[in-house]
Amino acid sequence: METEGFQQFFFPELGSTMAKAREISLEVKGPFVVRASRQTNGYGRKGAFWESPEGGLWFTAVFPARRLSGLSAFLALVVFKALREIFGDLKIKWPNDVVHFRRKVCGILTEVRERVFWGVGVNVNNGLSPELKEKAVSLKELTGKTLDLEEILRGILAELSFSLPVFEKEGFTFFRQEYERSLAFLGREVEVSFGEKILKGIADGINDEGFLKLITPAGPLLVLDGTLVKF
């Protein structure tokens, strides 16, 4: 089956769509998507476990990209714009989560090898375990509707197909202001965790490579990697 120019491989259950995509990439050279009804070993940034029960949208898309600077932030904006069509009151939590206030709707993991491996997990119709209720929320809970997973996937891939040629030509500079307008915490004090270390500052947007700009008591800083723990 093909979806928006991507060959699609669907599985009722996988350990991880990302791991399966790596395996399939050895044989399939064109753009493709691996989707599973549920994952038993899904993961996000820094290897964090991602709860992936039936009813959510769990997929990894594989495609070529010549331009890598700012790619992760660009891909977060792609998902955000597609999901905003379903529920308008969403924001981006740097670097690449989609949230409703402080509750996560979608997590994104971008890995680059010979191609881009773009892992996306969206809470759609799935239930959430009690320990996640305060940290995450589903689109079904937000909209009051059971949503079509295939339609959401088509919307995300359509947005990618539309925007990727612009990104390849113009770079993230073209999308930076739109990304900044979509941030959940612009102009507010935030805390970024680097393992044991916590960095505090005022979020002042991002640069053309997707780095977070912080105004700290020691002066302005650019943050490449970290976890936003308070905003």
N, C-alpha and C. Protein backbone atom coordinates (compact mmCIF):
# COMPACT_ATOMS: atom_id res chain seq x y z
N MET A 1 0.85 -1.19 0.00
CA MET A 1 0.00 0.00 0.00
C MET A 1 0.88 1.24 0.00
N GLU A 2 0.44 2.30 -0.68
CA GLU A 2 1.21 3.53 -0.76
C GLU A 2 0.40 4.68 -0.19
N THR A 3 1.04 5.54 0.58
CA THR A 3 0.39 6.69 1.20
C THR A 3 1.22 7.93 0.92
N GLU A 4 0.66 8.86 0.14
CA GLU A 4 1.34 10.13 -0.17
C GLU A 4 2.76 9.90 -0.70
N GLY A 5 2.91 8.91 -1.59
CA GLY A 5 4.20 8.64 -2.18
C GLY A 5 5.12 7.78 -1.34
N PHE A 6 4.67 7.34 -0.18
CA PHE A 6 5.44 6.48 0.70
C PHE A 6 4.86 5.07 0.67
N GLN A 7 5.69 4.10 0.35
CA GLN A 7 5.26 2.71 0.48
C GLN A 7 5.01 2.42 1.95
N GLN A 8 3.88 1.79 2.28
CA GLN A 8 3.54 1.60 3.68
C GLN A 8 3.59 0.12 4.06
N PHE A 9 4.25 -0.13 5.19
CA PHE A 9 4.30 -1.48 5.77
C PHE A 9 3.58 -1.42 7.12
N PHE A 10 2.54 -2.23 7.25
CA PHE A 10 1.74 -2.20 8.48
C PHE A 10 1.88 -3.52 9.24
N PHE A 11 2.01 -3.41 10.56
CA PHE A 11 2.12 -4.58 11.42
C PHE A 11 1.20 -4.41 12.62
N PRO A 12 0.49 -5.49 13.01
CA PRO A 12 -0.34 -5.39 14.22
C PRO A 12 0.47 -5.07 15.46
N GLU A 13 1.68 -5.63 15.55
CA GLU A 13 2.53 -5.39 16.72
C GLU A 13 3.99 -5.44 16.33
N LEU A 14 4.75 -4.49 16.87
CA LEU A 14 6.20 -4.48 16.70
C LEU A 14 6.84 -4.10 18.02
N GLY A 15 8.11 -4.49 18.18
CA GLY A 15 8.86 -3.94 19.29
C GLY A 15 9.00 -2.45 19.11
N SER A 16 9.48 -2.04 17.93
CA SER A 16 9.70 -0.63 17.62
C SER A 16 9.61 -0.43 16.11
N THR A 17 8.84 0.55 15.67
CA THR A 17 8.77 0.84 14.23
C THR A 17 10.12 1.33 13.72
N MET A 18 10.87 2.02 14.58
CA MET A 18 12.19 2.51 14.18
C MET A 18 13.13 1.34 13.88
N ALA A 19 13.13 0.35 14.76
CA ALA A 19 14.00 -0.81 14.56
C ALA A 19 13.60 -1.58 13.31
N LYS A 20 12.29 -1.73 13.09
CA LYS A 20 11.81 -2.44 11.90
C LYS A 20 12.16 -1.65 10.64
N ALA A 21 12.07 -0.33 10.71
CA ALA A 21 12.41 0.50 9.55
C ALA A 21 13.87 0.34 9.17
N ARG A 22 14.75 0.22 10.15
CA ARG A 22 16.17 -0.01 9.83
C ARG A 22 16.34 -1.32 9.08
N GLU A 23 15.63 -2.32 9.51
CA GLU A 23 15.70 -3.63 8.86
C GLU A 23 15.17 -3.56 7.42
N ILE A 24 14.02 -2.93 7.23
CA ILE A 24 13.42 -2.84 5.91
C ILE A 24 14.26 -1.97 4.97
N SER A 25 14.95 -0.97 5.54
CA SER A 25 15.74 -0.06 4.71
C SER A 25 16.87 -0.76 3.97
N LEU A 26 17.26 -1.93 4.43
CA LEU A 26 18.30 -2.69 3.75
C LEU A 26 17.83 -3.21 2.40
N GLU A 27 16.50 -3.33 2.25
CA GLU A 27 15.93 -3.89 1.02
C GLU A 27 15.16 -2.85 0.20
N VAL A 28 14.53 -1.89 0.85
CA VAL A 28 13.67 -0.92 0.17
C VAL A 28 14.40 0.41 0.08
N LYS A 29 14.57 0.91 -1.14
CA LYS A 29 15.37 2.12 -1.35
C LYS A 29 14.53 3.38 -1.47
N GLY A 30 13.25 3.26 -1.81
CA GLY A 30 12.40 4.44 -1.93
C GLY A 30 11.84 4.86 -0.58
N PRO A 31 11.14 6.01 -0.53
CA PRO A 31 10.51 6.44 0.72
C PRO A 31 9.48 5.41 1.21
N PHE A 32 9.47 5.14 2.50
CA PHE A 32 8.49 4.19 3.02
C PHE A 32 8.15 4.52 4.46
N VAL A 33 7.05 3.94 4.92
CA VAL A 33 6.57 4.14 6.29
C VAL A 33 6.33 2.77 6.92
N VAL A 34 6.78 2.62 8.15
CA VAL A 34 6.47 1.43 8.94
C VAL A 34 5.52 1.86 10.05
N ARG A 35 4.34 1.23 10.10
CA ARG A 35 3.35 1.59 11.12
C ARG A 35 2.93 0.34 11.86
N ALA A 36 2.65 0.47 13.15
CA ALA A 36 2.20 -0.65 13.97
C ALA A 36 1.00 -0.23 14.80
N SER A 37 0.08 -1.17 15.01
CA SER A 37 -1.05 -0.89 15.89
C SER A 37 -0.58 -0.63 17.31
N ARG A 38 0.47 -1.35 17.71
CA ARG A 38 1.04 -1.14 19.04
C ARG A 38 2.52 -1.49 19.00
N GLN A 39 3.27 -0.87 19.89
CA GLN A 39 4.69 -1.16 20.06
C GLN A 39 4.92 -1.69 21.48
N THR A 40 5.79 -2.66 21.60
CA THR A 40 6.12 -3.18 22.93
C THR A 40 7.41 -2.59 23.48
N ASN A 41 8.19 -1.96 22.58
CA ASN A 41 9.46 -1.38 23.01
C ASN A 41 9.73 -0.06 22.30
N GLY A 42 8.67 0.75 22.17
CA GLY A 42 8.83 2.05 21.54
C GLY A 42 9.68 2.97 22.41
N TYR A 43 10.41 3.88 21.77
CA TYR A 43 11.27 4.78 22.55
C TYR A 43 11.33 6.15 21.89
N GLY A 44 11.68 7.13 22.71
CA GLY A 44 11.80 8.50 22.24
C GLY A 44 13.22 9.00 22.40
N ARG A 45 13.36 10.31 22.61
CA ARG A 45 14.68 10.91 22.76
C ARG A 45 15.40 10.32 23.97
N LYS A 46 16.71 10.14 23.82
CA LYS A 46 17.57 9.60 24.87
C LYS A 46 17.13 8.21 25.32
N GLY A 47 16.42 7.49 24.43
CA GLY A 47 16.03 6.12 24.71
C GLY A 47 14.89 5.95 25.68
N ALA A 48 14.19 7.05 26.02
CA ALA A 48 13.09 6.97 26.98
C ALA A 48 11.96 6.09 26.43
N PHE A 49 11.42 5.22 27.26
CA PHE A 49 10.33 4.32 26.85
C PHE A 49 9.11 5.13 26.48
N TRP A 50 8.46 4.74 25.37
CA TRP A 50 7.24 5.42 24.90
C TRP A 50 6.10 4.41 24.92
N GLU A 51 5.13 4.66 25.79
CA GLU A 51 3.97 3.78 25.88
C GLU A 51 3.17 3.85 24.58
N SER A 52 2.94 2.69 23.96
CA SER A 52 2.37 2.67 22.60
C SER A 52 1.26 1.64 22.46
N PRO A 53 0.13 1.82 23.15
CA PRO A 53 -0.96 0.85 23.05
C PRO A 53 -1.78 1.03 21.78
N GLU A 54 -2.63 0.08 21.53
CA GLU A 54 -3.51 0.14 20.36
C GLU A 54 -4.40 1.39 20.47
N GLY A 55 -4.63 2.00 19.32
CA GLY A 55 -5.44 3.22 19.27
C GLY A 55 -4.62 4.46 18.99
N GLY A 56 -3.29 4.37 19.19
CA GLY A 56 -2.43 5.50 18.86
C GLY A 56 -1.84 5.34 17.46
N LEU A 57 -1.21 6.40 16.99
CA LEU A 57 -0.55 6.37 15.68
C LEU A 57 0.95 6.28 15.92
N TRP A 58 1.53 5.12 15.60
CA TRP A 58 2.96 4.87 15.83
C TRP A 58 3.61 4.52 14.50
N PHE A 59 4.50 5.36 14.02
CA PHE A 59 5.11 5.08 12.72
C PHE A 59 6.51 5.66 12.62
N THR A 60 7.27 5.09 11.70
CA THR A 60 8.57 5.64 11.30
C THR A 60 8.57 5.80 9.78
N ALA A 61 8.85 7.01 9.32
CA ALA A 61 8.97 7.29 7.90
C ALA A 61 10.45 7.39 7.53
N VAL A 62 10.81 6.84 6.39
CA VAL A 62 12.20 6.86 5.92
C VAL A 62 12.24 7.54 4.56
N PHE A 63 13.10 8.54 4.44
CA PHE A 63 13.16 9.30 3.20
C PHE A 63 14.51 10.01 3.12
N PRO A 64 14.94 10.41 1.93
CA PRO A 64 16.22 11.13 1.79
C PRO A 64 16.05 12.61 2.10
N ALA A 65 17.11 13.24 2.58
CA ALA A 65 17.13 14.68 2.78
C ALA A 65 18.57 15.17 2.61
N ARG A 66 18.74 16.15 1.79
CA ARG A 66 20.09 16.67 1.55
C ARG A 66 20.52 17.67 2.64
N ARG A 67 19.55 18.40 3.17
CA ARG A 67 19.84 19.44 4.15
C ARG A 67 19.51 18.91 5.55
N LEU A 68 20.47 18.95 6.46
CA LEU A 68 20.27 18.39 7.80
C LEU A 68 20.19 19.45 8.89
N SER A 69 20.77 20.62 8.68
CA SER A 69 20.74 21.67 9.69
C SER A 69 19.30 22.13 9.94
N GLY A 70 18.84 22.03 11.17
CA GLY A 70 17.47 22.44 11.51
C GLY A 70 16.42 21.41 11.16
N LEU A 71 16.85 20.23 10.70
CA LEU A 71 15.89 19.22 10.23
C LEU A 71 14.93 18.78 11.33
N SER A 72 15.44 18.53 12.52
CA SER A 72 14.59 18.03 13.61
C SER A 72 13.49 19.03 13.95
N ALA A 73 13.85 20.31 14.04
CA ALA A 73 12.85 21.34 14.33
C ALA A 73 11.85 21.47 13.19
N PHE A 74 12.33 21.40 11.97
CA PHE A 74 11.43 21.45 10.81
C PHE A 74 10.42 20.32 10.85
N LEU A 75 10.87 19.11 11.17
CA LEU A 75 9.96 17.96 11.18
C LEU A 75 8.95 18.05 12.32
N ALA A 76 9.35 18.66 13.44
CA ALA A 76 8.38 18.91 14.51
C ALA A 76 7.28 19.86 14.04
N LEU A 77 7.67 20.87 13.27
CA LEU A 77 6.69 21.82 12.75
C LEU A 77 5.74 21.14 11.77
N VAL A 78 6.25 20.21 10.97
CA VAL A 78 5.41 19.47 10.02
C VAL A 78 4.30 18.74 10.77
N VAL A 79 4.66 18.00 11.83
CA VAL A 79 3.65 17.26 12.58
C VAL A 79 2.69 18.22 13.28
N PHE A 80 3.23 19.26 13.87
CA PHE A 80 2.40 20.25 14.56
C PHE A 80 1.32 20.81 13.63
N LYS A 81 1.72 21.19 12.42
CA LYS A 81 0.77 21.80 11.49
C LYS A 81 -0.32 20.82 11.08
N ALA A 82 0.04 19.56 10.90
CA ALA A 82 -0.96 18.55 10.54
C ALA A 82 -1.92 18.30 11.69
N LEU A 83 -1.41 18.21 12.91
CA LEU A 83 -2.27 17.93 14.07
C LEU A 83 -3.12 19.14 14.44
N ARG A 84 -2.62 20.32 14.16
CA ARG A 84 -3.39 21.54 14.45
C ARG A 84 -4.67 21.59 13.62
N GLU A 85 -4.67 20.93 12.47
CA GLU A 85 -5.89 20.87 11.66
C GLU A 85 -6.97 20.06 12.36
N ILE A 86 -6.58 19.19 13.27
CA ILE A 86 -7.52 18.34 14.00
C ILE A 86 -7.97 19.03 15.28
N PHE A 87 -7.02 19.64 15.98
CA PHE A 87 -7.32 20.36 17.22
C PHE A 87 -6.42 21.58 17.28
N GLY A 88 -7.02 22.75 17.24
CA GLY A 88 -6.26 23.98 17.03
C GLY A 88 -5.41 24.44 18.20
N ASP A 89 -5.77 24.04 19.41
CA ASP A 89 -5.09 24.59 20.59
C ASP A 89 -3.90 23.71 20.99
N LEU A 90 -2.94 23.60 20.10
CA LEU A 90 -1.73 22.84 20.37
C LEU A 90 -0.51 23.75 20.23
N LYS A 91 0.59 23.34 20.85
CA LYS A 91 1.84 24.09 20.77
C LYS A 91 3.00 23.12 20.61
N ILE A 92 4.17 23.67 20.30
CA ILE A 92 5.41 22.88 20.23
C ILE A 92 6.18 23.09 21.52
N LYS A 93 6.62 21.99 22.12
CA LYS A 93 7.56 22.05 23.23
C LYS A 93 8.93 21.69 22.67
N TRP A 94 9.84 22.65 22.70
CA TRP A 94 11.17 22.42 22.15
C TRP A 94 11.79 21.19 22.78
N PRO A 95 12.50 20.35 22.00
CA PRO A 95 12.75 20.60 20.57
C PRO A 95 11.69 20.04 19.63
N ASN A 96 10.99 18.98 20.03
CA ASN A 96 10.12 18.36 19.03
C ASN A 96 8.96 17.54 19.61
N ASP A 97 8.34 18.06 20.67
CA ASP A 97 7.09 17.48 21.15
C ASP A 97 5.94 18.40 20.76
N VAL A 98 4.76 17.82 20.60
CA VAL A 98 3.55 18.61 20.41
C VAL A 98 2.71 18.44 21.67
N VAL A 99 2.28 19.55 22.26
CA VAL A 99 1.63 19.50 23.56
C VAL A 99 0.33 20.31 23.57
N HIS A 100 -0.53 19.97 24.52
CA HIS A 100 -1.68 20.81 24.88
C HIS A 100 -1.41 21.29 26.29
N PHE A 101 -1.13 22.58 26.43
CA PHE A 101 -0.57 23.12 27.66
C PHE A 101 0.68 22.30 28.01
N ARG A 102 0.74 21.59 29.13
CA ARG A 102 1.95 20.85 29.47
C ARG A 102 1.81 19.36 29.24
N ARG A 103 0.73 18.93 28.60
CA ARG A 103 0.49 17.51 28.40
C ARG A 103 0.84 17.11 26.97
N LYS A 104 1.62 16.05 26.84
CA LYS A 104 2.16 15.66 25.54
C LYS A 104 1.10 14.94 24.69
N VAL A 105 0.95 15.41 23.46
CA VAL A 105 0.09 14.75 22.47
C VAL A 105 0.93 13.89 21.54
N CYS A 106 2.12 14.37 21.23
CA CYS A 106 2.96 13.70 20.23
C CYS A 106 4.43 13.85 20.58
N GLY A 107 5.18 12.77 20.41
CA GLY A 107 6.63 12.80 20.53
C GLY A 107 7.27 12.41 19.21
N ILE A 108 8.41 13.00 18.93
CA ILE A 108 9.08 12.80 17.63
C ILE A 108 10.54 12.48 17.88
N LEU A 109 11.05 11.52 17.14
CA LEU A 109 12.46 11.14 17.20
C LEU A 109 13.02 11.13 15.79
N THR A 110 14.05 11.92 15.53
CA THR A 110 14.67 11.97 14.21
C THR A 110 16.09 11.42 14.28
N GLU A 111 16.35 10.39 13.50
CA GLU A 111 17.69 9.82 13.41
C GLU A 111 18.14 9.87 11.96
N VAL A 112 19.38 10.23 11.75
CA VAL A 112 19.91 10.35 10.38
C VAL A 112 21.02 9.33 10.19
N ARG A 113 20.84 8.49 9.21
CA ARG A 113 21.89 7.58 8.79
C ARG A 113 22.17 7.90 7.32
N GLU A 114 22.03 6.91 6.45
CA GLU A 114 22.15 7.22 5.02
C GLU A 114 20.90 7.94 4.53
N ARG A 115 19.80 7.79 5.28
CA ARG A 115 18.55 8.51 5.05
C ARG A 115 18.02 9.01 6.39
N VAL A 116 16.91 9.72 6.33
CA VAL A 116 16.26 10.19 7.55
C VAL A 116 15.30 9.12 8.04
N PHE A 117 15.40 8.80 9.34
CA PHE A 117 14.46 7.89 10.00
C PHE A 117 13.67 8.74 10.99
N TRP A 118 12.40 8.95 10.70
CA TRP A 118 11.56 9.92 11.40
C TRP A 118 10.48 9.18 12.17
N GLY A 119 10.72 9.01 13.46
CA GLY A 119 9.77 8.28 14.30
C GLY A 119 8.76 9.23 14.92
N VAL A 120 7.48 8.89 14.78
CA VAL A 120 6.41 9.75 15.29
C VAL A 120 5.44 8.91 16.11
N GLY A 121 5.13 9.39 17.30
CA GLY A 121 4.13 8.72 18.14
C GLY A 121 3.07 9.72 18.55
N VAL A 122 1.82 9.47 18.15
CA VAL A 122 0.72 10.39 18.45
C VAL A 122 -0.32 9.67 19.30
N ASN A 123 -0.66 10.26 20.44
CA ASN A 123 -1.78 9.75 21.23
C ASN A 123 -3.07 10.17 20.54
N VAL A 124 -3.76 9.21 19.95
CA VAL A 124 -4.97 9.53 19.19
C VAL A 124 -6.20 9.00 19.92
N ASN A 125 -6.49 7.72 19.76
CA ASN A 125 -7.67 7.12 20.39
C ASN A 125 -7.30 6.24 21.58
N ASN A 126 -6.03 6.12 21.84
CA ASN A 126 -5.54 5.20 22.89
C ASN A 126 -5.80 5.74 24.29
N GLY A 127 -5.97 4.81 25.22
CA GLY A 127 -6.02 5.18 26.62
C GLY A 127 -4.62 5.43 27.14
N LEU A 128 -4.52 6.06 28.30
CA LEU A 128 -3.24 6.38 28.92
C LEU A 128 -3.21 5.79 30.33
N SER A 129 -2.07 5.24 30.70
CA SER A 129 -1.94 4.66 32.03
C SER A 129 -2.07 5.76 33.08
N PRO A 130 -2.49 5.42 34.31
CA PRO A 130 -2.70 6.44 35.35
C PRO A 130 -1.49 7.34 35.58
N GLU A 131 -0.30 6.77 35.49
CA GLU A 131 0.91 7.57 35.76
C GLU A 131 1.19 8.59 34.65
N LEU A 132 0.55 8.41 33.49
CA LEU A 132 0.76 9.35 32.38
C LEU A 132 -0.34 10.40 32.25
N LYS A 133 -1.41 10.25 33.00
CA LYS A 133 -2.56 11.12 32.82
C LYS A 133 -2.25 12.61 32.99
N GLU A 134 -1.30 12.92 33.89
CA GLU A 134 -0.96 14.33 34.11
C GLU A 134 0.08 14.83 33.12
N LYS A 135 0.74 13.90 32.41
CA LYS A 135 1.82 14.28 31.50
C LYS A 135 1.43 14.20 30.03
N ALA A 136 0.38 13.45 29.73
CA ALA A 136 0.02 13.21 28.33
C ALA A 136 -1.49 13.29 28.15
N VAL A 137 -1.90 13.47 26.90
CA VAL A 137 -3.33 13.55 26.58
C VAL A 137 -3.52 13.06 25.15
N SER A 138 -4.67 12.48 24.87
CA SER A 138 -4.95 11.98 23.53
C SER A 138 -5.81 12.98 22.75
N LEU A 139 -5.73 12.90 21.43
CA LEU A 139 -6.59 13.74 20.59
C LEU A 139 -8.06 13.41 20.80
N LYS A 140 -8.36 12.15 21.08
CA LYS A 140 -9.75 11.77 21.35
C LYS A 140 -10.28 12.50 22.57
N GLU A 141 -9.46 12.58 23.61
CA GLU A 141 -9.88 13.30 24.82
C GLU A 141 -10.07 14.78 24.53
N LEU A 142 -9.21 15.35 23.71
CA LEU A 142 -9.30 16.78 23.41
C LEU A 142 -10.47 17.12 22.50
N THR A 143 -10.74 16.24 21.54
CA THR A 143 -11.79 16.55 20.55
C THR A 143 -13.14 15.93 20.90
N GLY A 144 -13.13 14.90 21.75
CA GLY A 144 -14.37 14.18 22.03
C GLY A 144 -14.79 13.25 20.92
N LYS A 145 -13.86 12.96 19.99
CA LYS A 145 -14.19 12.13 18.82
C LYS A 145 -13.18 11.00 18.66
N THR A 146 -13.65 9.86 18.13
CA THR A 146 -12.75 8.81 17.70
C THR A 146 -12.27 9.17 16.30
N LEU A 147 -10.96 9.20 16.13
CA LEU A 147 -10.37 9.72 14.90
C LEU A 147 -9.78 8.60 14.05
N ASP A 148 -9.67 8.87 12.74
CA ASP A 148 -9.17 7.91 11.77
C ASP A 148 -7.64 7.99 11.70
N LEU A 149 -6.97 6.93 12.14
CA LEU A 149 -5.50 6.94 12.17
C LEU A 149 -4.90 7.10 10.78
N GLU A 150 -5.47 6.42 9.80
CA GLU A 150 -4.95 6.49 8.44
C GLU A 150 -5.08 7.90 7.88
N GLU A 151 -6.16 8.56 8.21
CA GLU A 151 -6.36 9.94 7.75
C GLU A 151 -5.34 10.88 8.39
N ILE A 152 -5.03 10.68 9.66
CA ILE A 152 -4.03 11.51 10.33
C ILE A 152 -2.65 11.27 9.71
N LEU A 153 -2.32 10.00 9.45
CA LEU A 153 -1.05 9.68 8.81
C LEU A 153 -0.95 10.35 7.44
N ARG A 154 -2.02 10.27 6.67
CA ARG A 154 -2.02 10.92 5.34
C ARG A 154 -1.80 12.42 5.48
N GLY A 155 -2.42 13.04 6.48
CA GLY A 155 -2.27 14.47 6.67
C GLY A 155 -0.84 14.86 7.01
N ILE A 156 -0.19 14.06 7.87
CA ILE A 156 1.20 14.34 8.24
C ILE A 156 2.13 14.18 7.05
N LEU A 157 1.95 13.09 6.29
CA LEU A 157 2.82 12.85 5.13
C LEU A 157 2.56 13.86 4.01
N ALA A 158 1.31 14.31 3.89
CA ALA A 158 1.00 15.33 2.89
C ALA A 158 1.69 16.64 3.24
N GLU A 159 1.69 16.99 4.52
CA GLU A 159 2.37 18.22 4.96
C GLU A 159 3.87 18.09 4.73
N LEU A 160 4.43 16.91 4.98
CA LEU A 160 5.85 16.69 4.72
C LEU A 160 6.15 16.83 3.23
N SER A 161 5.35 16.21 2.39
CA SER A 161 5.59 16.26 0.95
C SER A 161 5.50 17.69 0.41
N PHE A 162 4.62 18.49 1.02
CA PHE A 162 4.45 19.88 0.59
C PHE A 162 5.62 20.75 1.05
N SER A 163 6.06 20.54 2.30
CA SER A 163 7.03 21.46 2.91
C SER A 163 8.49 21.07 2.69
N LEU A 164 8.76 19.77 2.50
CA LEU A 164 10.15 19.33 2.40
C LEU A 164 10.90 19.98 1.24
N PRO A 165 10.31 20.11 0.03
CA PRO A 165 11.06 20.78 -1.04
C PRO A 165 11.43 22.23 -0.69
N VAL A 166 10.57 22.91 0.07
CA VAL A 166 10.88 24.29 0.50
C VAL A 166 12.04 24.27 1.49
N PHE A 167 12.00 23.33 2.43
CA PHE A 167 13.08 23.19 3.40
C PHE A 167 14.40 22.89 2.68
N GLU A 168 14.36 22.00 1.70
CA GLU A 168 15.59 21.64 0.98
C GLU A 168 16.17 22.83 0.22
N LYS A 169 15.29 23.70 -0.25
CA LYS A 169 15.75 24.86 -1.01
C LYS A 169 16.16 26.03 -0.11
N GLU A 170 15.33 26.34 0.89
CA GLU A 170 15.51 27.55 1.68
C GLU A 170 16.14 27.31 3.05
N GLY A 171 16.10 26.07 3.54
CA GLY A 171 16.59 25.77 4.87
C GLY A 171 15.58 26.11 5.95
N PHE A 172 15.96 25.88 7.20
CA PHE A 172 15.04 26.11 8.31
C PHE A 172 14.76 27.60 8.51
N THR A 173 15.64 28.45 7.99
CA THR A 173 15.44 29.90 8.10
C THR A 173 14.05 30.30 7.64
N PHE A 174 13.57 29.66 6.58
CA PHE A 174 12.25 29.96 6.02
C PHE A 174 11.13 29.66 7.03
N PHE A 175 11.33 28.67 7.91
CA PHE A 175 10.28 28.20 8.81
C PHE A 175 10.48 28.68 10.26
N ARG A 176 11.59 29.34 10.54
CA ARG A 176 11.95 29.62 11.92
C ARG A 176 10.91 30.46 12.65
N GLN A 177 10.44 31.53 12.04
CA GLN A 177 9.47 32.39 12.71
C GLN A 177 8.16 31.65 12.97
N GLU A 178 7.74 30.82 12.04
CA GLU A 178 6.52 30.05 12.24
C GLU A 178 6.70 29.08 13.41
N TYR A 179 7.86 28.46 13.50
CA TYR A 179 8.16 27.57 14.62
C TYR A 179 8.12 28.35 15.94
N GLU A 180 8.75 29.51 15.97
CA GLU A 180 8.78 30.31 17.19
C GLU A 180 7.38 30.72 17.63
N ARG A 181 6.53 31.09 16.68
CA ARG A 181 5.16 31.47 17.02
C ARG A 181 4.38 30.31 17.62
N SER A 182 4.82 29.09 17.32
CA SER A 182 4.12 27.89 17.77
C SER A 182 4.64 27.37 19.11
N LEU A 183 5.70 27.97 19.65
CA LEU A 183 6.29 27.50 20.89
C LEU A 183 5.35 27.74 22.08
N ALA A 184 5.39 26.80 23.02
CA ALA A 184 4.51 26.87 24.18
C ALA A 184 5.00 27.85 25.24
N PHE A 185 6.24 28.33 25.13
CA PHE A 185 6.84 29.01 26.28
C PHE A 185 7.65 30.24 25.89
N LEU A 186 7.47 30.78 24.71
CA LEU A 186 8.29 31.89 24.25
C LEU A 186 8.17 33.08 25.20
N GLY A 187 9.32 33.61 25.61
CA GLY A 187 9.33 34.77 26.49
C GLY A 187 9.16 34.45 27.97
N ARG A 188 9.10 33.15 28.31
CA ARG A 188 8.90 32.75 29.70
C ARG A 188 10.15 32.09 30.26
N GLU A 189 10.23 32.05 31.58
CA GLU A 189 11.36 31.36 32.21
C GLU A 189 11.17 29.86 32.06
N VAL A 190 12.23 29.17 31.68
CA VAL A 190 12.18 27.72 31.51
C VAL A 190 13.39 27.10 32.22
N GLU A 191 13.31 25.79 32.39
CA GLU A 191 14.43 25.03 32.92
C GLU A 191 14.75 23.90 31.96
N VAL A 192 16.02 23.77 31.60
CA VAL A 192 16.47 22.73 30.70
C VAL A 192 17.41 21.81 31.48
N SER A 193 17.15 20.50 31.42
CA SER A 193 17.94 19.52 32.15
C SER A 193 19.00 18.91 31.24
N PHE A 194 20.20 18.79 31.78
CA PHE A 194 21.30 18.06 31.14
C PHE A 194 21.78 17.02 32.13
N GLY A 195 21.03 15.96 32.29
CA GLY A 195 21.36 14.97 33.30
C GLY A 195 21.17 15.56 34.68
N GLU A 196 22.27 15.72 35.43
CA GLU A 196 22.21 16.26 36.79
C GLU A 196 22.13 17.79 36.79
N LYS A 197 22.49 18.41 35.70
CA LYS A 197 22.58 19.87 35.65
C LYS A 197 21.27 20.49 35.14
N ILE A 198 20.84 21.58 35.78
CA ILE A 198 19.66 22.32 35.36
C ILE A 198 20.08 23.73 34.96
N LEU A 199 19.66 24.15 33.78
CA LEU A 199 19.95 25.50 33.29
C LEU A 199 18.64 26.29 33.24
N LYS A 200 18.64 27.48 33.85
CA LYS A 200 17.45 28.33 33.87
C LYS A 200 17.68 29.57 33.01
N GLY A 201 16.61 30.01 32.36
CA GLY A 201 16.72 31.22 31.56
C GLY A 201 15.39 31.57 30.93
N ILE A 202 15.35 32.71 30.26
CA ILE A 202 14.16 33.15 29.52
C ILE A 202 14.28 32.64 28.08
N ALA A 203 13.25 31.93 27.63
CA ALA A 203 13.26 31.41 26.26
C ALA A 203 13.09 32.56 25.27
N ASP A 204 14.08 32.71 24.42
CA ASP A 204 14.10 33.84 23.48
C ASP A 204 14.02 33.37 22.03
N GLY A 205 13.41 32.19 21.83
CA GLY A 205 13.24 31.68 20.48
C GLY A 205 14.30 30.65 20.13
N ILE A 206 14.48 30.42 18.85
CA ILE A 206 15.49 29.48 18.37
C ILE A 206 16.27 30.12 17.24
N ASN A 207 17.42 29.54 16.93
CA ASN A 207 18.20 30.08 15.81
C ASN A 207 17.91 29.29 14.54
N ASP A 208 18.64 29.58 13.49
CA ASP A 208 18.36 28.96 12.19
C ASP A 208 18.75 27.49 12.12
N GLU A 209 19.39 26.99 13.16
CA GLU A 209 19.73 25.57 13.21
C GLU A 209 18.83 24.80 14.19
N GLY A 210 17.87 25.51 14.79
CA GLY A 210 16.96 24.86 15.72
C GLY A 210 17.44 24.85 17.16
N PHE A 211 18.55 25.55 17.46
CA PHE A 211 19.04 25.62 18.84
C PHE A 211 18.16 26.58 19.65
N LEU A 212 17.88 26.24 20.89
CA LEU A 212 17.10 27.10 21.78
C LEU A 212 17.95 28.27 22.25
N LYS A 213 17.39 29.48 22.14
CA LYS A 213 18.08 30.67 22.62
C LYS A 213 17.58 31.00 24.02
N LEU A 214 18.51 31.02 24.98
CA LEU A 214 18.17 31.32 26.36
C LEU A 214 18.87 32.59 26.81
N ILE A 215 18.15 33.43 27.53
CA ILE A 215 18.75 34.58 28.18
C ILE A 215 18.92 34.21 29.65
N THR A 216 20.16 34.07 30.09
CA THR A 216 20.47 33.64 31.45
C THR A 216 21.14 34.78 32.20
N PRO A 217 21.24 34.67 33.53
CA PRO A 217 21.97 35.71 34.29
C PRO A 217 23.42 35.88 33.82
N ALA A 218 23.99 34.81 33.24
CA ALA A 218 25.37 34.89 32.74
C ALA A 218 25.45 35.43 31.32
N GLY A 219 24.28 35.68 30.70
CA GLY A 219 24.26 36.15 29.33
C GLY A 219 23.51 35.20 28.42
N PRO A 220 23.38 35.54 27.12
CA PRO A 220 22.66 34.69 26.19
C PRO A 220 23.41 33.40 25.88
N LEU A 221 22.67 32.31 25.76
CA LEU A 221 23.25 31.01 25.45
C LEU A 221 22.43 30.32 24.36
N LEU A 222 23.11 29.47 23.60
CA LEU A 222 22.43 28.60 22.64
C LEU A 222 22.47 27.18 23.19
N VAL A 223 21.30 26.52 23.22
CA VAL A 223 21.20 25.16 23.76
C VAL A 223 20.93 24.20 22.62
N LEU A 224 21.86 23.28 22.39
CA LEU A 224 21.73 22.31 21.31
C LEU A 224 20.91 21.11 21.74
N ASP A 225 21.20 20.59 22.92
CA ASP A 225 20.55 19.35 23.36
C ASP A 225 20.22 19.47 24.84
N GLY A 226 19.09 18.93 25.19
CA GLY A 226 18.65 18.98 26.59
C GLY A 226 17.19 18.63 26.66
N THR A 227 16.66 18.54 27.87
CA THR A 227 15.26 18.22 28.07
C THR A 227 14.60 19.36 28.81
N LEU A 228 13.54 19.89 28.22
CA LEU A 228 12.81 20.99 28.85
C LEU A 228 11.98 20.39 29.98
N VAL A 229 12.30 20.73 31.23
CA VAL A 229 11.63 20.11 32.37
C VAL A 229 10.66 21.07 33.05
N LYS A 230 10.75 22.34 32.76
CA LYS A 230 9.80 23.30 33.34
C LYS A 230 9.60 24.44 32.36
N PHE A 231 8.32 24.76 32.08
CA PHE A 231 8.02 25.88 31.18
C PHE A 231 6.64 26.41 31.46
